[in-house]
Amino acid sequence: MVVPAGEVRRRAAAMALAAALVALAIILALLLPAPTAGPPSAAPSPSVALPPAPPGSPSPPAPGGSAPAQELQETDTPEAGQAPVLPPVTEPPVPAPPVPEPGPPEAPDQPPEPPRPVQLPESLRGQDLTVIPGAGRVVALTFDAGANAAGLPKILSALAARGVPGTFFLTGNWAANNPQAVAQIAAAGHRVANHSMTHPVFTGLGDDQIVQQVRGAEQAILAAGADPRPLFRFPYGERDARTIAAVNALGYAAVRWTVDTLGWKGTSGGVDVQTVADRVQAGLRPGEIVLMHIGSNPDDGTTLDADALPAVIDRVTAAGYGFATLDALLGH
């Protein structure tokens, strides 16, 4: 088969073009660098030492994981030729100041000194007073406490309702057994006085026993919050020159009474409220000292002095008299 001359020339030209293209591809492959598999490493230069992460700072993301936006801003791979960006350094926490070790406990405050007793006027020594000398038209209502406190609420109520002060002779045993009652009497502004510790007959006691009775009651009443000094009343009214001198030597004036209401006898002893009020009125005089009792009668449980007190006060007031405590003996 004879190939025309024009076809031969066309085929030769195509082959020459293909050879030229192959040669061009080989040249380009030699001139261009081979492509890399991924971006350059983001690892910091080994010559830079990273500080350890402070306590409480977030951990770096695991390989292949995603970091929070803020963390990416601080740890992105630097461009070539730039220093790596280090994570922020958190200042270490300032240690708390040391707590001082407790020292020895402070000594407790010293207890307040007891009030100083009122000095016994010389004019009151050697006697057991039955009236308030030179007091004028005033009456002193006095109440002895040695048994129970059954009549005290009525007594305090009647005195408060009429604005009348009273004087309360307390035994030490009664004060120790009724400290709240002592506080009520003192808080109401009434006068508290000494009636011995256990209410014995003083004429049968030795001098040392008298001291124990008087001082024992004094301490018990002071402990309950009142001061009985310098007023004292003998139990049962039994006294003599020796016992009066003994209590005077302890700083006390002996105070008896002008009239005894006999309310302590109770209805079983033939007394009633009318009798109590009548006896006070019959003995009325300037400086009268009235003896009444707080406790109930042991046989019938009556409290006649407490029950009669409103009528007693009204009668004395109607007669033109006022009321005073036995501090009037001391010039107060």
C-alpha atoms as a PDB file:
ATOM      1  CA  MET A   1       0.000   0.000   0.000  1.00  0.00           C
ATOM      2  CA  VAL A   2       1.366   3.329  -1.057  1.00  0.00           C
ATOM      3  CA  VAL A   3       0.917   6.194   1.541  1.00  0.00           C
ATOM      4  CA  PRO A   4       0.553   9.561  -0.015  1.00  0.00           C
ATOM      5  CA  ALA A   5       3.339  11.957   0.591  1.00  0.00           C
ATOM      6  CA  GLY A   6       1.058  14.470   2.412  1.00  0.00           C
ATOM      7  CA  GLU A   7      -0.025  11.875   4.962  1.00  0.00           C
ATOM      8  CA  VAL A   8       3.584  10.995   5.700  1.00  0.00           C
ATOM      9  CA  ARG A   9       4.390  14.585   6.435  1.00  0.00           C
ATOM     10  CA  ARG A  10       1.337  15.012   8.731  1.00  0.00           C
ATOM     11  CA  ARG A  11       2.248  11.970  10.823  1.00  0.00           C
ATOM     12  CA  ALA A  12       5.813  13.094  11.192  1.00  0.00           C
ATOM     13  CA  ALA A  13       4.705  16.473  12.457  1.00  0.00           C
ATOM     14  CA  ALA A  14       2.408  14.920  15.090  1.00  0.00           C
ATOM     15  CA  MET A  15       5.131  12.661  16.388  1.00  0.00           C
ATOM     16  CA  ALA A  16       7.547  15.580  16.630  1.00  0.00           C
ATOM     17  CA  LEU A  17       4.942  17.581  18.628  1.00  0.00           C
ATOM     18  CA  ALA A  18       4.366  14.709  21.006  1.00  0.00           C
ATOM     19  CA  ALA A  19       8.074  14.304  21.610  1.00  0.00           C
ATOM     20  CA  ALA A  20       8.399  18.009  22.310  1.00  0.00           C
ATOM     21  CA  LEU A  21       5.582  17.885  24.868  1.00  0.00           C
ATOM     22  CA  VAL A  22       7.180  14.955  26.649  1.00  0.00           C
ATOM     23  CA  ALA A  23      10.509  16.752  26.793  1.00  0.00           C
ATOM     24  CA  LEU A  24       8.811  19.884  28.162  1.00  0.00           C
ATOM     25  CA  ALA A  25       7.094  17.885  30.885  1.00  0.00           C
ATOM     26  CA  ILE A  26      10.399  16.316  31.932  1.00  0.00           C
ATOM     27  CA  ILE A  27      12.064  19.730  32.134  1.00  0.00           C
ATOM     28  CA  LEU A  28       9.218  21.162  34.276  1.00  0.00           C
ATOM     29  CA  ALA A  29       9.347  18.221  36.617  1.00  0.00           C
ATOM     30  CA  LEU A  30      13.030  18.779  37.186  1.00  0.00           C
ATOM     31  CA  LEU A  31      12.687  22.514  37.786  1.00  0.00           C
ATOM     32  CA  LEU A  32       9.665  22.563  40.194  1.00  0.00           C
ATOM     33  CA  PRO A  33      10.032  21.316  43.981  1.00  0.00           C
ATOM     34  CA  ALA A  34       8.094  18.267  44.959  1.00  0.00           C
ATOM     35  CA  PRO A  35       4.791  19.109  46.911  1.00  0.00           C
ATOM     36  CA  THR A  36       4.802  18.460  50.740  1.00  0.00           C
ATOM     37  CA  ALA A  37       2.269  16.246  52.469  1.00  0.00           C
ATOM     38  CA  GLY A  38       1.072  18.899  55.034  1.00  0.00           C
ATOM     39  CA  PRO A  39       1.769  22.304  56.637  1.00  0.00           C
ATOM     40  CA  PRO A  40       5.100  22.944  58.316  1.00  0.00           C
ATOM     41  CA  SER A  41       5.420  21.733  61.906  1.00  0.00           C
ATOM     42  CA  ALA A  42       4.069  24.105  64.567  1.00  0.00           C
ATOM     43  CA  ALA A  43       6.389  22.795  67.268  1.00  0.00           C
ATOM     44  CA  PRO A  44       8.361  25.559  69.035  1.00  0.00           C
ATOM     45  CA  SER A  45      12.083  25.812  68.656  1.00  0.00           C
ATOM     46  CA  PRO A  46      13.780  23.288  70.919  1.00  0.00           C
ATOM     47  CA  SER A  47      15.954  26.105  72.299  1.00  0.00           C
ATOM     48  CA  VAL A  48      12.901  27.789  73.939  1.00  0.00           C
ATOM     49  CA  ALA A  49      11.863  26.318  77.346  1.00  0.00           C
ATOM     50  CA  LEU A  50       8.178  26.685  78.106  1.00  0.00           C
ATOM     51  CA  PRO A  51       7.238  27.387  81.747  1.00  0.00           C
ATOM     52  CA  PRO A  52       5.097  24.817  83.468  1.00  0.00           C
ATOM     53  CA  ALA A  53       1.415  25.568  83.474  1.00  0.00           C
ATOM     54  CA  PRO A  54       0.296  27.202  86.773  1.00  0.00           C
ATOM     55  CA  PRO A  55      -2.095  25.317  89.001  1.00  0.00           C
ATOM     56  CA  GLY A  56      -5.642  25.663  87.857  1.00  0.00           C
ATOM     57  CA  SER A  57      -4.798  26.687  84.220  1.00  0.00           C
ATOM     58  CA  PRO A  58      -6.551  24.769  81.413  1.00  0.00           C
ATOM     59  CA  SER A  59      -4.701  21.793  79.879  1.00  0.00           C
ATOM     60  CA  PRO A  60      -3.545  22.093  76.253  1.00  0.00           C
ATOM     61  CA  PRO A  61      -5.807  20.417  73.693  1.00  0.00           C
ATOM     62  CA  ALA A  62      -4.990  16.842  72.711  1.00  0.00           C
ATOM     63  CA  PRO A  63      -3.563  16.263  69.232  1.00  0.00           C
ATOM     64  CA  GLY A  64      -6.273  16.426  66.654  1.00  0.00           C
ATOM     65  CA  GLY A  65      -8.685  18.030  69.112  1.00  0.00           C
ATOM     66  CA  SER A  66     -10.099  21.521  68.971  1.00  0.00           C
ATOM     67  CA  ALA A  67      -9.041  24.265  71.371  1.00  0.00           C
ATOM     68  CA  PRO A  68     -11.310  27.042  72.671  1.00  0.00           C
ATOM     69  CA  ALA A  69     -11.271  30.289  70.727  1.00  0.00           C
ATOM     70  CA  GLN A  70      -9.255  32.173  73.318  1.00  0.00           C
ATOM     71  CA  GLU A  71      -6.667  29.367  73.537  1.00  0.00           C
ATOM     72  CA  LEU A  72      -6.282  29.297  69.722  1.00  0.00           C
ATOM     73  CA  GLN A  73      -5.430  32.977  69.746  1.00  0.00           C
ATOM     74  CA  GLU A  74      -2.579  32.329  72.153  1.00  0.00           C
ATOM     75  CA  THR A  75      -1.168  29.087  70.690  1.00  0.00           C
ATOM     76  CA  ASP A  76      -1.538  29.393  66.905  1.00  0.00           C
ATOM     77  CA  THR A  77       1.447  28.164  64.881  1.00  0.00           C
ATOM     78  CA  PRO A  78       3.791  31.142  64.216  1.00  0.00           C
ATOM     79  CA  GLU A  79       4.777  32.019  60.697  1.00  0.00           C
ATOM     80  CA  ALA A  80       8.279  31.155  59.478  1.00  0.00           C
ATOM     81  CA  GLY A  81      10.962  33.353  61.013  1.00  0.00           C
ATOM     82  CA  GLN A  82       8.765  34.490  63.977  1.00  0.00           C
ATOM     83  CA  ALA A  83       9.295  33.581  67.642  1.00  0.00           C
ATOM     84  CA  PRO A  84       6.691  31.220  69.018  1.00  0.00           C
ATOM     85  CA  VAL A  85       3.862  32.734  71.058  1.00  0.00           C
ATOM     86  CA  LEU A  86       4.068  31.472  74.661  1.00  0.00           C
ATOM     87  CA  PRO A  87       0.997  30.823  76.773  1.00  0.00           C
ATOM     88  CA  PRO A  88       0.218  33.562  79.350  1.00  0.00           C
ATOM     89  CA  VAL A  89       1.892  33.193  82.728  1.00  0.00           C
ATOM     90  CA  THR A  90      -0.495  33.387  85.680  1.00  0.00           C
ATOM     91  CA  GLU A  91       0.900  35.051  88.791  1.00  0.00           C
ATOM     92  CA  PRO A  92       1.150  32.560  91.661  1.00  0.00           C
ATOM     93  CA  PRO A  93      -1.448  33.182  94.416  1.00  0.00           C
ATOM     94  CA  VAL A  94      -0.322  35.399  97.272  1.00  0.00           C
ATOM     95  CA  PRO A  95      -0.095  33.251 100.399  1.00  0.00           C
ATOM     96  CA  ALA A  96      -2.436  34.220 103.247  1.00  0.00           C
ATOM     97  CA  PRO A  97      -0.754  35.832 106.240  1.00  0.00           C
ATOM     98  CA  PRO A  98      -0.019  33.337 108.991  1.00  0.00           C
ATOM     99  CA  VAL A  99      -2.658  33.068 111.693  1.00  0.00           C
ATOM    100  CA  PRO A 100      -1.122  33.983 115.035  1.00  0.00           C
ATOM    101  CA  GLU A 101      -1.172  31.234 117.568  1.00  0.00           C
ATOM    102  CA  PRO A 102      -3.582  31.872 120.418  1.00  0.00           C
ATOM    103  CA  GLY A 103      -1.884  33.200 123.483  1.00  0.00           C
ATOM    104  CA  PRO A 104      -2.759  32.416 127.051  1.00  0.00           C
ATOM    105  CA  PRO A 105      -6.373  33.287 127.957  1.00  0.00           C
ATOM    106  CA  GLU A 106      -6.887  36.699 129.405  1.00  0.00           C
ATOM    107  CA  ALA A 107      -7.567  36.877 133.077  1.00  0.00           C
ATOM    108  CA  PRO A 108     -11.296  37.347 133.773  1.00  0.00           C
ATOM    109  CA  ASP A 109     -12.450  40.735 134.879  1.00  0.00           C
ATOM    110  CA  GLN A 110     -12.311  41.236 138.576  1.00  0.00           C
ATOM    111  CA  PRO A 111     -15.755  41.064 140.192  1.00  0.00           C
ATOM    112  CA  PRO A 112     -17.103  44.438 141.210  1.00  0.00           C
ATOM    113  CA  GLU A 113     -16.505  45.419 144.771  1.00  0.00           C
ATOM    114  CA  PRO A 114     -19.578  45.125 146.989  1.00  0.00           C
ATOM    115  CA  PRO A 115     -21.189  48.428 147.881  1.00  0.00           C
ATOM    116  CA  ARG A 116     -19.851  50.072 150.972  1.00  0.00           C
ATOM    117  CA  PRO A 117     -22.205  49.752 153.929  1.00  0.00           C
ATOM    118  CA  VAL A 118     -23.908  52.770 155.376  1.00  0.00           C
ATOM    119  CA  GLN A 119     -22.168  53.802 158.565  1.00  0.00           C
ATOM    120  CA  LEU A 120     -24.183  53.238 161.713  1.00  0.00           C
ATOM    121  CA  PRO A 121     -24.961  56.566 163.407  1.00  0.00           C
ATOM    122  CA  GLU A 122     -23.828  56.693 167.019  1.00  0.00           C
ATOM    123  CA  SER A 123     -27.315  57.829 168.066  1.00  0.00           C
ATOM    124  CA  LEU A 124     -28.735  54.422 167.115  1.00  0.00           C
ATOM    125  CA  ARG A 125     -26.377  52.329 169.244  1.00  0.00           C
ATOM    126  CA  GLY A 126     -27.576  50.600 172.402  1.00  0.00           C
ATOM    127  CA  GLN A 127     -31.286  50.545 171.570  1.00  0.00           C
ATOM    128  CA  ASP A 128     -33.926  48.481 169.775  1.00  0.00           C
ATOM    129  CA  LEU A 129     -35.896  51.211 168.013  1.00  0.00           C
ATOM    130  CA  THR A 130     -39.709  51.192 168.143  1.00  0.00           C
ATOM    131  CA  VAL A 131     -40.346  54.405 166.172  1.00  0.00           C
ATOM    132  CA  ILE A 132     -38.506  56.635 163.712  1.00  0.00           C
ATOM    133  CA  PRO A 133     -37.374  59.585 165.831  1.00  0.00           C
ATOM    134  CA  GLY A 134     -38.371  62.984 164.462  1.00  0.00           C
ATOM    135  CA  ALA A 135     -39.849  61.485 161.277  1.00  0.00           C
ATOM    136  CA  GLY A 136     -43.064  63.550 161.348  1.00  0.00           C
ATOM    137  CA  ARG A 137     -46.331  62.213 159.933  1.00  0.00           C
ATOM    138  CA  VAL A 138     -44.934  59.158 158.135  1.00  0.00           C
ATOM    139  CA  VAL A 139     -45.384  55.410 158.666  1.00  0.00           C
ATOM    140  CA  ALA A 140     -42.865  52.682 157.855  1.00  0.00           C
ATOM    141  CA  LEU A 141     -44.428  49.438 156.608  1.00  0.00           C
ATOM    142  CA  THR A 142     -42.040  46.538 157.303  1.00  0.00           C
ATOM    143  CA  PHE A 143     -42.336  42.912 156.205  1.00  0.00           C
ATOM    144  CA  ASP A 144     -40.480  39.960 157.762  1.00  0.00           C
ATOM    145  CA  ALA A 145     -39.604  36.945 155.578  1.00  0.00           C
ATOM    146  CA  GLY A 146     -38.430  33.704 157.128  1.00  0.00           C
ATOM    147  CA  ALA A 147     -40.903  31.029 156.028  1.00  0.00           C
ATOM    148  CA  ASN A 148     -42.322  31.065 152.486  1.00  0.00           C
ATOM    149  CA  ALA A 149     -43.054  33.782 149.941  1.00  0.00           C
ATOM    150  CA  ALA A 150     -46.782  33.149 149.538  1.00  0.00           C
ATOM    151  CA  GLY A 151     -47.890  36.719 150.203  1.00  0.00           C
ATOM    152  CA  LEU A 152     -45.160  38.534 148.260  1.00  0.00           C
ATOM    153  CA  PRO A 153     -46.974  38.957 144.913  1.00  0.00           C
ATOM    154  CA  LYS A 154     -49.968  40.630 146.603  1.00  0.00           C
ATOM    155  CA  ILE A 155     -47.709  42.802 148.766  1.00  0.00           C
ATOM    156  CA  LEU A 156     -45.595  44.043 145.853  1.00  0.00           C
ATOM    157  CA  SER A 157     -48.726  44.656 143.779  1.00  0.00           C
ATOM    158  CA  ALA A 158     -50.440  46.706 146.504  1.00  0.00           C
ATOM    159  CA  LEU A 159     -47.309  48.795 147.173  1.00  0.00           C
ATOM    160  CA  ALA A 160     -46.771  49.458 143.461  1.00  0.00           C
ATOM    161  CA  ALA A 161     -50.416  50.377 142.820  1.00  0.00           C
ATOM    162  CA  ARG A 162     -50.282  53.081 145.515  1.00  0.00           C
ATOM    163  CA  GLY A 163     -46.654  54.154 145.105  1.00  0.00           C
ATOM    164  CA  VAL A 164     -45.738  53.173 148.673  1.00  0.00           C
ATOM    165  CA  PRO A 165     -42.208  52.056 149.699  1.00  0.00           C
ATOM    166  CA  GLY A 166     -41.579  49.226 152.153  1.00  0.00           C
ATOM    167  CA  THR A 167     -38.757  47.705 154.188  1.00  0.00           C
ATOM    168  CA  PHE A 168     -38.212  43.923 153.937  1.00  0.00           C
ATOM    169  CA  PHE A 169     -36.356  42.057 156.713  1.00  0.00           C
ATOM    170  CA  LEU A 170     -35.081  38.821 155.114  1.00  0.00           C
ATOM    171  CA  THR A 171     -33.418  35.791 156.646  1.00  0.00           C
ATOM    172  CA  GLY A 172     -30.382  34.443 154.835  1.00  0.00           C
ATOM    173  CA  ASN A 173     -32.109  31.114 154.220  1.00  0.00           C
ATOM    174  CA  TRP A 174     -35.103  32.858 152.662  1.00  0.00           C
ATOM    175  CA  ALA A 175     -32.857  34.943 150.395  1.00  0.00           C
ATOM    176  CA  ALA A 176     -30.908  31.847 149.292  1.00  0.00           C
ATOM    177  CA  ASN A 177     -34.135  29.972 148.540  1.00  0.00           C
ATOM    178  CA  ASN A 178     -35.847  32.918 146.826  1.00  0.00           C
ATOM    179  CA  PRO A 179     -33.171  34.882 144.935  1.00  0.00           C
ATOM    180  CA  GLN A 180     -35.635  36.003 142.271  1.00  0.00           C
ATOM    181  CA  ALA A 181     -37.949  37.371 144.963  1.00  0.00           C
ATOM    182  CA  VAL A 182     -35.049  39.339 146.468  1.00  0.00           C
ATOM    183  CA  ALA A 183     -34.313  40.761 143.024  1.00  0.00           C
ATOM    184  CA  GLN A 184     -37.979  41.750 142.583  1.00  0.00           C
ATOM    185  CA  ILE A 185     -38.042  43.530 145.939  1.00  0.00           C
ATOM    186  CA  ALA A 186     -34.850  45.454 145.176  1.00  0.00           C
ATOM    187  CA  ALA A 187     -35.886  46.239 141.587  1.00  0.00           C
ATOM    188  CA  ALA A 188     -39.139  47.764 142.868  1.00  0.00           C
ATOM    189  CA  GLY A 189     -37.115  50.244 144.934  1.00  0.00           C
ATOM    190  CA  HIS A 190     -37.860  48.828 148.374  1.00  0.00           C
ATOM    191  CA  ARG A 191     -35.379  48.628 151.254  1.00  0.00           C
ATOM    192  CA  VAL A 192     -33.897  45.251 152.233  1.00  0.00           C
ATOM    193  CA  ALA A 193     -32.677  44.516 155.786  1.00  0.00           C
ATOM    194  CA  ASN A 194     -31.118  41.674 157.848  1.00  0.00           C
ATOM    195  CA  HIS A 195     -33.255  39.223 159.885  1.00  0.00           C
ATOM    196  CA  SER A 196     -30.485  36.676 160.770  1.00  0.00           C
ATOM    197  CA  MET A 197     -29.513  33.540 158.862  1.00  0.00           C
ATOM    198  CA  THR A 198     -31.817  30.892 160.340  1.00  0.00           C
ATOM    199  CA  HIS A 199     -34.143  32.887 162.676  1.00  0.00           C
ATOM    200  CA  PRO A 200     -32.934  31.628 166.098  1.00  0.00           C
ATOM    201  CA  VAL A 201     -33.511  33.239 169.496  1.00  0.00           C
ATOM    202  CA  PHE A 202     -30.468  35.505 169.849  1.00  0.00           C
ATOM    203  CA  THR A 203     -30.471  35.663 173.644  1.00  0.00           C
ATOM    204  CA  GLY A 204     -29.524  31.976 173.660  1.00  0.00           C
ATOM    205  CA  LEU A 205     -26.550  32.388 171.279  1.00  0.00           C
ATOM    206  CA  GLY A 206     -22.890  32.955 172.091  1.00  0.00           C
ATOM    207  CA  ASP A 207     -21.042  35.911 170.613  1.00  0.00           C
ATOM    208  CA  ASP A 208     -19.450  33.829 167.844  1.00  0.00           C
ATOM    209  CA  GLN A 209     -22.835  32.403 166.889  1.00  0.00           C
ATOM    210  CA  ILE A 210     -24.311  35.890 166.667  1.00  0.00           C
ATOM    211  CA  VAL A 211     -21.529  36.862 164.281  1.00  0.00           C
ATOM    212  CA  GLN A 212     -22.252  33.783 162.125  1.00  0.00           C
ATOM    213  CA  GLN A 213     -25.976  34.536 162.040  1.00  0.00           C
ATOM    214  CA  VAL A 214     -25.590  38.182 161.099  1.00  0.00           C
ATOM    215  CA  ARG A 215     -22.719  37.788 158.623  1.00  0.00           C
ATOM    216  CA  GLY A 216     -24.227  34.643 157.079  1.00  0.00           C
ATOM    217  CA  ALA A 217     -27.480  36.447 156.297  1.00  0.00           C
ATOM    218  CA  GLU A 218     -25.566  39.452 155.025  1.00  0.00           C
ATOM    219  CA  GLN A 219     -23.617  37.360 152.525  1.00  0.00           C
ATOM    220  CA  ALA A 220     -26.700  35.449 151.362  1.00  0.00           C
ATOM    221  CA  ILE A 221     -28.657  38.652 150.749  1.00  0.00           C
ATOM    222  CA  LEU A 222     -25.716  40.300 148.980  1.00  0.00           C
ATOM    223  CA  ALA A 223     -25.407  37.217 146.774  1.00  0.00           C
ATOM    224  CA  ALA A 224     -29.078  37.585 145.832  1.00  0.00           C
ATOM    225  CA  GLY A 225     -28.504  41.164 144.698  1.00  0.00           C
ATOM    226  CA  ALA A 226     -29.446  43.385 147.661  1.00  0.00           C
ATOM    227  CA  ASP A 227     -27.595  45.000 150.573  1.00  0.00           C
ATOM    228  CA  PRO A 228     -29.159  44.692 154.047  1.00  0.00           C
ATOM    229  CA  ARG A 229     -26.711  46.920 155.906  1.00  0.00           C
ATOM    230  CA  PRO A 230     -27.088  48.566 158.441  1.00  0.00           C
ATOM    231  CA  LEU A 231     -30.637  47.533 159.496  1.00  0.00           C
ATOM    232  CA  PHE A 232     -31.273  44.442 161.657  1.00  0.00           C
ATOM    233  CA  ARG A 233     -34.315  42.925 163.361  1.00  0.00           C
ATOM    234  CA  PHE A 234     -34.076  40.275 166.098  1.00  0.00           C
ATOM    235  CA  PRO A 235     -36.032  37.078 165.414  1.00  0.00           C
ATOM    236  CA  TYR A 236     -39.139  36.903 167.634  1.00  0.00           C
ATOM    237  CA  GLY A 237     -38.090  40.308 168.989  1.00  0.00           C
ATOM    238  CA  GLU A 238     -35.941  38.578 171.613  1.00  0.00           C
ATOM    239  CA  ARG A 239     -32.994  40.788 172.616  1.00  0.00           C
ATOM    240  CA  ASP A 240     -31.071  42.162 175.581  1.00  0.00           C
ATOM    241  CA  ALA A 241     -28.240  44.630 176.118  1.00  0.00           C
ATOM    242  CA  ARG A 242     -25.575  42.059 175.165  1.00  0.00           C
ATOM    243  CA  THR A 243     -27.171  41.025 171.874  1.00  0.00           C
ATOM    244  CA  ILE A 244     -27.919  44.654 170.932  1.00  0.00           C
ATOM    245  CA  ALA A 245     -24.265  45.565 171.562  1.00  0.00           C
ATOM    246  CA  ALA A 246     -23.185  42.536 169.488  1.00  0.00           C
ATOM    247  CA  VAL A 247     -25.145  43.551 166.392  1.00  0.00           C
ATOM    248  CA  ASN A 248     -24.058  47.185 166.855  1.00  0.00           C
ATOM    249  CA  ALA A 249     -20.444  45.992 166.818  1.00  0.00           C
ATOM    250  CA  LEU A 250     -21.160  44.383 163.411  1.00  0.00           C
ATOM    251  CA  GLY A 251     -22.366  47.725 162.067  1.00  0.00           C
ATOM    252  CA  TYR A 252     -26.121  47.192 162.446  1.00  0.00           C
ATOM    253  CA  ALA A 253     -28.866  49.198 164.140  1.00  0.00           C
ATOM    254  CA  ALA A 254     -31.520  47.100 165.893  1.00  0.00           C
ATOM    255  CA  VAL A 255     -35.069  47.959 164.757  1.00  0.00           C
ATOM    256  CA  ARG A 256     -38.154  46.643 166.523  1.00  0.00           C
ATOM    257  CA  TRP A 257     -41.724  47.869 165.770  1.00  0.00           C
ATOM    258  CA  THR A 258     -44.490  50.077 167.074  1.00  0.00           C
ATOM    259  CA  VAL A 259     -47.343  47.701 166.301  1.00  0.00           C
ATOM    260  CA  ASP A 260     -47.555  44.024 165.290  1.00  0.00           C
ATOM    261  CA  THR A 261     -50.598  43.375 163.086  1.00  0.00           C
ATOM    262  CA  LEU A 262     -50.756  39.717 164.282  1.00  0.00           C
ATOM    263  CA  GLY A 263     -51.647  38.748 160.716  1.00  0.00           C
ATOM    264  CA  TRP A 264     -49.172  35.882 161.040  1.00  0.00           C
ATOM    265  CA  LYS A 265     -51.606  34.117 163.430  1.00  0.00           C
ATOM    266  CA  GLY A 266     -54.061  33.502 160.596  1.00  0.00           C
ATOM    267  CA  THR A 267     -57.766  32.857 160.862  1.00  0.00           C
ATOM    268  CA  SER A 268     -57.008  29.765 162.906  1.00  0.00           C
ATOM    269  CA  GLY A 269     -55.563  32.139 165.518  1.00  0.00           C
ATOM    270  CA  GLY A 270     -58.676  34.329 165.605  1.00  0.00           C
ATOM    271  CA  VAL A 271     -57.364  37.100 163.298  1.00  0.00           C
ATOM    272  CA  ASP A 272     -58.891  38.390 160.067  1.00  0.00           C
ATOM    273  CA  VAL A 273     -58.272  41.184 157.537  1.00  0.00           C
ATOM    274  CA  GLN A 274     -60.338  43.647 159.582  1.00  0.00           C
ATOM    275  CA  THR A 275     -58.238  42.956 162.681  1.00  0.00           C
ATOM    276  CA  VAL A 276     -54.997  43.688 160.822  1.00  0.00           C
ATOM    277  CA  ALA A 277     -56.224  47.052 159.499  1.00  0.00           C
ATOM    278  CA  ASP A 278     -57.711  48.039 162.876  1.00  0.00           C
ATOM    279  CA  ARG A 279     -54.454  47.384 164.749  1.00  0.00           C
ATOM    280  CA  VAL A 280     -52.418  49.542 162.351  1.00  0.00           C
ATOM    281  CA  GLN A 281     -54.894  52.399 162.673  1.00  0.00           C
ATOM    282  CA  ALA A 282     -55.024  52.120 166.454  1.00  0.00           C
ATOM    283  CA  GLY A 283     -51.222  52.466 166.711  1.00  0.00           C
ATOM    284  CA  LEU A 284     -51.008  55.335 164.252  1.00  0.00           C
ATOM    285  CA  ARG A 285     -48.507  58.008 165.297  1.00  0.00           C
ATOM    286  CA  PRO A 286     -45.599  59.949 163.700  1.00  0.00           C
ATOM    287  CA  GLY A 287     -42.803  57.551 162.843  1.00  0.00           C
ATOM    288  CA  GLU A 288     -44.922  54.403 163.423  1.00  0.00           C
ATOM    289  CA  ILE A 289     -43.180  51.140 162.457  1.00  0.00           C
ATOM    290  CA  VAL A 290     -45.658  48.445 161.382  1.00  0.00           C
ATOM    291  CA  LEU A 291     -44.668  44.770 161.579  1.00  0.00           C
ATOM    292  CA  MET A 292     -46.209  42.508 158.904  1.00  0.00           C
ATOM    293  CA  HIS A 293     -45.194  39.150 157.421  1.00  0.00           C
ATOM    294  CA  ILE A 294     -44.739  37.800 153.889  1.00  0.00           C
ATOM    295  CA  GLY A 295     -45.279  34.081 154.520  1.00  0.00           C
ATOM    296  CA  SER A 296     -48.531  32.215 154.983  1.00  0.00           C
ATOM    297  CA  ASN A 297     -49.806  30.756 158.236  1.00  0.00           C
ATOM    298  CA  PRO A 298     -48.514  27.164 158.487  1.00  0.00           C
ATOM    299  CA  ASP A 299     -51.880  25.835 159.733  1.00  0.00           C
ATOM    300  CA  ASP A 300     -54.490  27.489 157.529  1.00  0.00           C
ATOM    301  CA  GLY A 301     -52.359  28.891 154.688  1.00  0.00           C
ATOM    302  CA  THR A 302     -53.781  32.406 155.009  1.00  0.00           C
ATOM    303  CA  THR A 303     -51.822  35.560 154.089  1.00  0.00           C
ATOM    304  CA  LEU A 304     -53.789  38.108 156.109  1.00  0.00           C
ATOM    305  CA  ASP A 305     -51.131  40.845 156.043  1.00  0.00           C
ATOM    306  CA  ALA A 306     -50.963  40.706 152.249  1.00  0.00           C
ATOM    307  CA  ASP A 307     -54.759  40.643 151.976  1.00  0.00           C
ATOM    308  CA  ALA A 308     -55.213  43.585 154.362  1.00  0.00           C
ATOM    309  CA  LEU A 309     -52.433  45.757 152.919  1.00  0.00           C
ATOM    310  CA  PRO A 310     -54.585  47.791 150.478  1.00  0.00           C
ATOM    311  CA  ALA A 311     -56.979  48.718 153.284  1.00  0.00           C
ATOM    312  CA  VAL A 312     -54.078  49.524 155.624  1.00  0.00           C
ATOM    313  CA  ILE A 313     -52.531  51.911 153.100  1.00  0.00           C
ATOM    314  CA  ASP A 314     -55.873  53.582 152.381  1.00  0.00           C
ATOM    315  CA  ARG A 315     -56.601  54.151 156.084  1.00  0.00           C
ATOM    316  CA  VAL A 316     -53.156  55.586 156.819  1.00  0.00           C
ATOM    317  CA  THR A 317     -53.414  57.875 153.796  1.00  0.00           C
ATOM    318  CA  ALA A 318     -56.902  59.010 154.789  1.00  0.00           C
ATOM    319  CA  ALA A 319     -55.535  59.976 158.221  1.00  0.00           C
ATOM    320  CA  GLY A 320     -53.084  62.377 156.572  1.00  0.00           C
ATOM    321  CA  TYR A 321     -49.929  60.254 156.832  1.00  0.00           C
ATOM    322  CA  GLY A 322     -47.328  59.401 154.244  1.00  0.00           C
ATOM    323  CA  PHE A 323     -44.930  56.464 154.019  1.00  0.00           C
ATOM    324  CA  ALA A 324     -41.166  56.005 154.342  1.00  0.00           C
ATOM    325  CA  THR A 325     -38.629  53.220 154.528  1.00  0.00           C
ATOM    326  CA  LEU A 326     -36.419  52.710 157.564  1.00  0.00           C
ATOM    327  CA  ASP A 327     -33.682  54.617 155.752  1.00  0.00           C
ATOM    328  CA  ALA A 328     -35.355  57.559 157.487  1.00  0.00           C
ATOM    329  CA  LEU A 329     -33.497  56.362 160.599  1.00  0.00           C
ATOM    330  CA  LEU A 330     -30.237  57.103 158.794  1.00  0.00           C
ATOM    331  CA  GLY A 331     -31.248  60.572 157.701  1.00  0.00           C
ATOM    332  CA  HIS A 332     -32.110  59.499 154.115  1.00  0.00           C
END
